[in-house]
Amino acid sequence: MLTVTGHDRLLANRHVLSRAVSLRDPYVDALSYLQLRALAALRDTDPQDDERERLERLLLLTVNGVAAGLQNTG
């Protein structure tokens, strides 16, 4: 992508968007990590386990959070 655009970094010519992405990244990264942990735990959970509903809710909340964090960049 950088070779095609001739830039040395992504969004080099979109300063406002670049700044917005860099501000959101730490939060989206944390949500992505939680999402991976919830998914792994969900896969290891018995379908009848009471914990499963909580893990499913956590997974859906992280999906919504990541989508909200990515906004127009996702």
N, C-alpha and C. Protein backbone atom coordinates (compact mmCIF):
# COMPACT_ATOMS: atom_id res chain seq x y z
N MET A 1 0.83 -1.18 0.00
CA MET A 1 0.00 0.00 0.00
C MET A 1 0.88 1.25 0.00
N LEU A 2 1.91 1.24 0.83
CA LEU A 2 2.78 2.41 0.91
C LEU A 2 3.53 2.64 -0.41
N THR A 3 3.93 1.56 -1.06
CA THR A 3 4.61 1.70 -2.35
C THR A 3 3.68 2.31 -3.38
N VAL A 4 2.45 1.87 -3.40
CA VAL A 4 1.47 2.37 -4.37
C VAL A 4 1.18 3.85 -4.13
N THR A 5 0.98 4.22 -2.86
CA THR A 5 0.65 5.62 -2.56
C THR A 5 1.86 6.53 -2.55
N GLY A 6 3.05 5.95 -2.39
CA GLY A 6 4.26 6.76 -2.33
C GLY A 6 4.48 7.44 -0.99
N HIS A 7 3.76 6.99 0.02
CA HIS A 7 3.89 7.57 1.37
C HIS A 7 4.77 6.69 2.24
N ASP A 8 5.27 7.28 3.31
CA ASP A 8 6.11 6.50 4.23
C ASP A 8 5.32 5.93 5.40
N ARG A 9 4.05 6.35 5.54
CA ARG A 9 3.17 5.79 6.59
C ARG A 9 1.73 5.86 6.10
N LEU A 10 0.90 5.02 6.70
CA LEU A 10 -0.52 5.02 6.32
C LEU A 10 -1.18 6.33 6.73
N LEU A 11 -2.10 6.78 5.93
CA LEU A 11 -2.86 8.02 6.15
C LEU A 11 -1.97 9.27 6.23
N ALA A 12 -0.84 9.23 5.56
CA ALA A 12 0.08 10.38 5.60
C ALA A 12 -0.56 11.64 5.03
N ASN A 13 -1.45 11.49 4.10
CA ASN A 13 -2.09 12.66 3.49
C ASN A 13 -3.46 12.96 4.09
N ARG A 14 -3.84 12.26 5.14
CA ARG A 14 -5.14 12.46 5.81
C ARG A 14 -4.87 12.72 7.29
N HIS A 15 -4.40 13.91 7.61
CA HIS A 15 -3.93 14.24 8.95
C HIS A 15 -5.01 14.11 10.03
N VAL A 16 -6.20 14.58 9.76
CA VAL A 16 -7.28 14.52 10.76
C VAL A 16 -7.66 13.07 11.04
N LEU A 17 -7.82 12.29 9.99
CA LEU A 17 -8.16 10.88 10.15
C LEU A 17 -7.03 10.12 10.83
N SER A 18 -5.80 10.42 10.47
CA SER A 18 -4.65 9.77 11.08
C SER A 18 -4.60 10.03 12.59
N ARG A 19 -4.87 11.26 12.97
CA ARG A 19 -4.88 11.62 14.39
C ARG A 19 -6.02 10.91 15.12
N ALA A 20 -7.18 10.87 14.51
CA ALA A 20 -8.33 10.20 15.12
C ALA A 20 -8.05 8.71 15.33
N VAL A 21 -7.45 8.08 14.34
CA VAL A 21 -7.12 6.65 14.46
C VAL A 21 -6.10 6.43 15.56
N SER A 22 -5.09 7.26 15.63
CA SER A 22 -4.06 7.08 16.66
C SER A 22 -4.60 7.29 18.07
N LEU A 23 -5.60 8.16 18.20
CA LEU A 23 -6.23 8.37 19.51
C LEU A 23 -7.11 7.19 19.92
N ARG A 24 -7.75 6.57 18.94
CA ARG A 24 -8.65 5.45 19.23
C ARG A 24 -7.93 4.12 19.39
N ASP A 25 -6.77 3.98 18.79
CA ASP A 25 -6.07 2.69 18.76
C ASP A 25 -5.91 2.02 20.13
N PRO A 26 -5.47 2.71 21.17
CA PRO A 26 -5.28 2.02 22.45
C PRO A 26 -6.58 1.41 22.98
N TYR A 27 -7.69 2.08 22.77
CA TYR A 27 -8.97 1.58 23.26
C TYR A 27 -9.47 0.41 22.41
N VAL A 28 -9.33 0.54 21.10
CA VAL A 28 -9.75 -0.54 20.21
C VAL A 28 -8.86 -1.76 20.43
N ASP A 29 -7.57 -1.56 20.63
CA ASP A 29 -6.67 -2.68 20.89
C ASP A 29 -7.05 -3.42 22.17
N ALA A 30 -7.38 -2.68 23.21
CA ALA A 30 -7.80 -3.31 24.48
C ALA A 30 -9.09 -4.09 24.29
N LEU A 31 -10.04 -3.53 23.57
CA LEU A 31 -11.29 -4.24 23.31
C LEU A 31 -11.05 -5.49 22.46
N SER A 32 -10.14 -5.40 21.51
CA SER A 32 -9.82 -6.56 20.67
C SER A 32 -9.23 -7.68 21.51
N TYR A 33 -8.38 -7.31 22.46
CA TYR A 33 -7.79 -8.30 23.36
C TYR A 33 -8.87 -8.98 24.21
N LEU A 34 -9.77 -8.18 24.77
CA LEU A 34 -10.88 -8.74 25.55
C LEU A 34 -11.75 -9.65 24.68
N GLN A 35 -11.95 -9.24 23.45
CA GLN A 35 -12.75 -10.03 22.52
C GLN A 35 -12.12 -11.40 22.29
N LEU A 36 -10.82 -11.42 22.08
CA LEU A 36 -10.12 -12.69 21.87
C LEU A 36 -10.21 -13.58 23.10
N ARG A 37 -10.04 -13.00 24.27
CA ARG A 37 -10.13 -13.78 25.52
C ARG A 37 -11.53 -14.32 25.71
N ALA A 38 -12.55 -13.49 25.44
CA ALA A 38 -13.93 -13.94 25.60
C ALA A 38 -14.25 -15.06 24.62
N LEU A 39 -13.78 -14.93 23.39
CA LEU A 39 -14.03 -15.96 22.38
C LEU A 39 -13.36 -17.27 22.77
N ALA A 40 -12.13 -17.20 23.23
CA ALA A 40 -11.42 -18.41 23.66
C ALA A 40 -12.13 -19.06 24.84
N ALA A 41 -12.56 -18.25 25.80
CA ALA A 41 -13.26 -18.79 26.97
C ALA A 41 -14.59 -19.39 26.56
N LEU A 42 -15.26 -18.75 25.64
CA LEU A 42 -16.55 -19.24 25.16
C LEU A 42 -16.39 -20.60 24.47
N ARG A 43 -15.35 -20.74 23.71
CA ARG A 43 -15.10 -22.02 23.02
C ARG A 43 -14.81 -23.14 24.01
N ASP A 44 -14.25 -22.79 25.16
CA ASP A 44 -13.91 -23.79 26.17
C ASP A 44 -15.03 -24.05 27.17
N THR A 45 -16.13 -23.31 27.05
CA THR A 45 -17.22 -23.41 28.01
C THR A 45 -18.28 -24.39 27.54
N ASP A 46 -18.76 -25.18 28.45
CA ASP A 46 -19.85 -26.11 28.18
C ASP A 46 -21.11 -25.31 27.83
N PRO A 47 -21.86 -25.73 26.81
CA PRO A 47 -23.07 -25.00 26.43
C PRO A 47 -24.09 -24.83 27.55
N GLN A 48 -24.05 -25.70 28.55
CA GLN A 48 -25.00 -25.62 29.66
C GLN A 48 -24.46 -24.80 30.83
N ASP A 49 -23.23 -24.34 30.74
CA ASP A 49 -22.59 -23.60 31.83
C ASP A 49 -23.25 -22.23 32.01
N ASP A 50 -23.48 -21.83 33.26
CA ASP A 50 -24.07 -20.52 33.55
C ASP A 50 -23.17 -19.37 33.09
N GLU A 51 -21.89 -19.61 33.02
CA GLU A 51 -20.92 -18.59 32.62
C GLU A 51 -21.06 -18.24 31.13
N ARG A 52 -21.61 -19.15 30.36
CA ARG A 52 -21.70 -18.97 28.90
C ARG A 52 -22.47 -17.70 28.52
N GLU A 53 -23.58 -17.45 29.17
CA GLU A 53 -24.38 -16.26 28.85
C GLU A 53 -23.58 -14.98 29.10
N ARG A 54 -22.84 -14.94 30.19
CA ARG A 54 -22.02 -13.77 30.50
C ARG A 54 -20.93 -13.58 29.45
N LEU A 55 -20.32 -14.68 29.03
CA LEU A 55 -19.27 -14.60 28.01
C LEU A 55 -19.82 -14.17 26.66
N GLU A 56 -21.01 -14.65 26.32
CA GLU A 56 -21.64 -14.23 25.06
C GLU A 56 -21.93 -12.73 25.08
N ARG A 57 -22.42 -12.25 26.20
CA ARG A 57 -22.69 -10.81 26.33
C ARG A 57 -21.41 -10.01 26.22
N LEU A 58 -20.36 -10.47 26.88
CA LEU A 58 -19.07 -9.79 26.80
C LEU A 58 -18.57 -9.76 25.37
N LEU A 59 -18.68 -10.86 24.67
CA LEU A 59 -18.24 -10.92 23.28
C LEU A 59 -19.00 -9.92 22.41
N LEU A 60 -20.32 -9.87 22.56
CA LEU A 60 -21.13 -8.93 21.78
C LEU A 60 -20.81 -7.48 22.12
N LEU A 61 -20.57 -7.20 23.39
CA LEU A 61 -20.21 -5.84 23.79
C LEU A 61 -18.87 -5.43 23.18
N THR A 62 -17.92 -6.35 23.12
CA THR A 62 -16.63 -6.00 22.53
C THR A 62 -16.74 -5.79 21.03
N VAL A 63 -17.60 -6.58 20.37
CA VAL A 63 -17.81 -6.39 18.93
C VAL A 63 -18.38 -4.99 18.69
N ASN A 64 -19.38 -4.62 19.47
CA ASN A 64 -19.97 -3.28 19.33
C ASN A 64 -18.95 -2.19 19.65
N GLY A 65 -18.13 -2.41 20.67
CA GLY A 65 -17.13 -1.43 21.05
C GLY A 65 -16.07 -1.22 19.98
N VAL A 66 -15.62 -2.32 19.39
CA VAL A 66 -14.62 -2.22 18.31
C VAL A 66 -15.23 -1.50 17.11
N ALA A 67 -16.46 -1.87 16.75
CA ALA A 67 -17.12 -1.21 15.62
C ALA A 67 -17.28 0.29 15.87
N ALA A 68 -17.66 0.65 17.08
CA ALA A 68 -17.81 2.06 17.42
C ALA A 68 -16.46 2.78 17.38
N GLY A 69 -15.42 2.09 17.84
CA GLY A 69 -14.10 2.69 17.86
C GLY A 69 -13.51 2.88 16.47
N LEU A 70 -13.81 1.95 15.58
CA LEU A 70 -13.28 2.06 14.22
C LEU A 70 -14.00 3.12 13.42
N GLN A 71 -15.26 3.35 13.70
CA GLN A 71 -16.08 4.33 13.00
C GLN A 71 -15.87 4.27 11.50
N ASN A 72 -15.45 5.34 10.90
CA ASN A 72 -15.31 5.40 9.44
C ASN A 72 -14.05 4.73 8.93
N THR A 73 -13.21 4.20 9.82
CA THR A 73 -11.98 3.56 9.36
C THR A 73 -12.13 2.06 9.23
N GLY A 74 -13.23 1.49 9.75
CA GLY A 74 -13.39 0.05 9.84
C GLY A 74 -13.79 -0.60 8.58
